[in-house]
Amino acid sequence: MEELAERINSLESQLAFQDDTIQALNEMLVKQQQLIDLLERKVQLLVKGHNELLERCGEIEDNIPPPHY
């Protein structure tokens, strides 16, 4: 009977450790997802800014007369 109690205690200990590990992994996953979302927004802003700069450069180049004039 004592052996059974030891096995139950061991299983309960393992379960508690697994629960803690799952909780820690979940918290890390949430933080990583928040960071990914932030980085995606920043990349979108960079792409938008880059495209605006390209448009401005194209407009400026269109207004510059060719060198042979």
C-alpha atoms as a PDB file:
ATOM      1  CA  MET A   1       0.000   0.000   0.000  1.00  0.00           C
ATOM      2  CA  GLU A   2       2.888   2.351   0.759  1.00  0.00           C
ATOM      3  CA  GLU A   3       4.315   1.715  -2.709  1.00  0.00           C
ATOM      4  CA  LEU A   4       1.012   2.783  -4.264  1.00  0.00           C
ATOM      5  CA  ALA A   5       1.010   6.001  -2.220  1.00  0.00           C
ATOM      6  CA  GLU A   6       4.574   6.749  -3.365  1.00  0.00           C
ATOM      7  CA  ARG A   7       3.612   6.197  -6.992  1.00  0.00           C
ATOM      8  CA  ILE A   8       0.606   8.495  -6.606  1.00  0.00           C
ATOM      9  CA  ASN A   9       2.773  11.160  -4.978  1.00  0.00           C
ATOM     10  CA  SER A  10       5.293  10.828  -7.790  1.00  0.00           C
ATOM     11  CA  LEU A  11       2.573  11.177 -10.429  1.00  0.00           C
ATOM     12  CA  GLU A  12       1.075  14.187  -8.652  1.00  0.00           C
ATOM     13  CA  SER A  13       4.519  15.789  -8.501  1.00  0.00           C
ATOM     14  CA  GLN A  14       5.072  15.173 -12.217  1.00  0.00           C
ATOM     15  CA  LEU A  15       1.640  16.582 -13.016  1.00  0.00           C
ATOM     16  CA  ALA A  16       2.326  19.728 -11.008  1.00  0.00           C
ATOM     17  CA  PHE A  17       5.660  20.180 -12.799  1.00  0.00           C
ATOM     18  CA  GLN A  18       3.984  19.698 -16.170  1.00  0.00           C
ATOM     19  CA  ASP A  19       1.287  22.230 -15.297  1.00  0.00           C
ATOM     20  CA  ASP A  20       3.944  24.785 -14.346  1.00  0.00           C
ATOM     21  CA  THR A  21       5.856  24.088 -17.540  1.00  0.00           C
ATOM     22  CA  ILE A  22       2.734  24.427 -19.698  1.00  0.00           C
ATOM     23  CA  GLN A  23       1.844  27.711 -17.992  1.00  0.00           C
ATOM     24  CA  ALA A  24       5.371  29.086 -18.535  1.00  0.00           C
ATOM     25  CA  LEU A  25       5.320  28.012 -22.189  1.00  0.00           C
ATOM     26  CA  ASN A  26       1.916  29.613 -22.673  1.00  0.00           C
ATOM     27  CA  GLU A  27       3.124  32.905 -21.197  1.00  0.00           C
ATOM     28  CA  MET A  28       6.182  32.855 -23.443  1.00  0.00           C
ATOM     29  CA  LEU A  29       4.034  32.083 -26.472  1.00  0.00           C
ATOM     30  CA  VAL A  30       1.760  35.038 -25.714  1.00  0.00           C
ATOM     31  CA  LYS A  31       4.772  37.370 -25.378  1.00  0.00           C
ATOM     32  CA  GLN A  32       6.262  36.099 -28.625  1.00  0.00           C
ATOM     33  CA  GLN A  33       2.973  36.586 -30.461  1.00  0.00           C
ATOM     34  CA  GLN A  34       2.734  40.147 -29.145  1.00  0.00           C
ATOM     35  CA  LEU A  35       6.286  40.797 -30.358  1.00  0.00           C
ATOM     36  CA  ILE A  36       5.508  39.286 -33.768  1.00  0.00           C
ATOM     37  CA  ASP A  37       2.421  41.497 -34.069  1.00  0.00           C
ATOM     38  CA  LEU A  38       4.483  44.583 -33.182  1.00  0.00           C
ATOM     39  CA  LEU A  39       7.202  43.677 -35.674  1.00  0.00           C
ATOM     40  CA  GLU A  40       4.629  43.073 -38.420  1.00  0.00           C
ATOM     41  CA  ARG A  41       3.154  46.531 -37.820  1.00  0.00           C
ATOM     42  CA  LYS A  42       6.621  48.094 -37.960  1.00  0.00           C
ATOM     43  CA  VAL A  43       7.443  46.287 -41.204  1.00  0.00           C
ATOM     44  CA  GLN A  44       4.170  47.493 -42.717  1.00  0.00           C
ATOM     45  CA  LEU A  45       5.047  51.076 -41.749  1.00  0.00           C
ATOM     46  CA  LEU A  46       8.531  50.689 -43.225  1.00  0.00           C
ATOM     47  CA  VAL A  47       7.131  49.314 -46.481  1.00  0.00           C
ATOM     48  CA  LYS A  48       4.606  52.143 -46.647  1.00  0.00           C
ATOM     49  CA  GLY A  49       7.327  54.741 -46.027  1.00  0.00           C
ATOM     50  CA  HIS A  50       9.596  53.097 -48.589  1.00  0.00           C
ATOM     51  CA  ASN A  51       6.852  53.123 -51.214  1.00  0.00           C
ATOM     52  CA  GLU A  52       6.105  56.790 -50.495  1.00  0.00           C
ATOM     53  CA  LEU A  53       9.773  57.640 -50.923  1.00  0.00           C
ATOM     54  CA  LEU A  54       9.900  55.763 -54.213  1.00  0.00           C
ATOM     55  CA  GLU A  55       6.858  57.679 -55.443  1.00  0.00           C
ATOM     56  CA  ARG A  56       8.427  61.006 -54.453  1.00  0.00           C
ATOM     57  CA  CYS A  57      11.690  60.109 -56.180  1.00  0.00           C
ATOM     58  CA  GLY A  58       9.761  59.181 -59.301  1.00  0.00           C
ATOM     59  CA  GLU A  59       7.894  62.501 -59.255  1.00  0.00           C
ATOM     60  CA  ILE A  60      11.120  64.447 -58.805  1.00  0.00           C
ATOM     61  CA  GLU A  61      12.824  62.573 -61.635  1.00  0.00           C
ATOM     62  CA  ASP A  62       9.829  63.195 -63.903  1.00  0.00           C
ATOM     63  CA  ASN A  63      10.162  66.963 -63.364  1.00  0.00           C
ATOM     64  CA  ILE A  64      13.906  67.116 -64.065  1.00  0.00           C
ATOM     65  CA  PRO A  65      14.623  67.943 -67.687  1.00  0.00           C
ATOM     66  CA  PRO A  66      16.995  65.614 -69.519  1.00  0.00           C
ATOM     67  CA  PRO A  67      20.657  66.717 -69.615  1.00  0.00           C
ATOM     68  CA  HIS A  68      20.614  67.474 -73.370  1.00  0.00           C
ATOM     69  CA  TYR A  69      18.254  70.501 -72.923  1.00  0.00           C
END
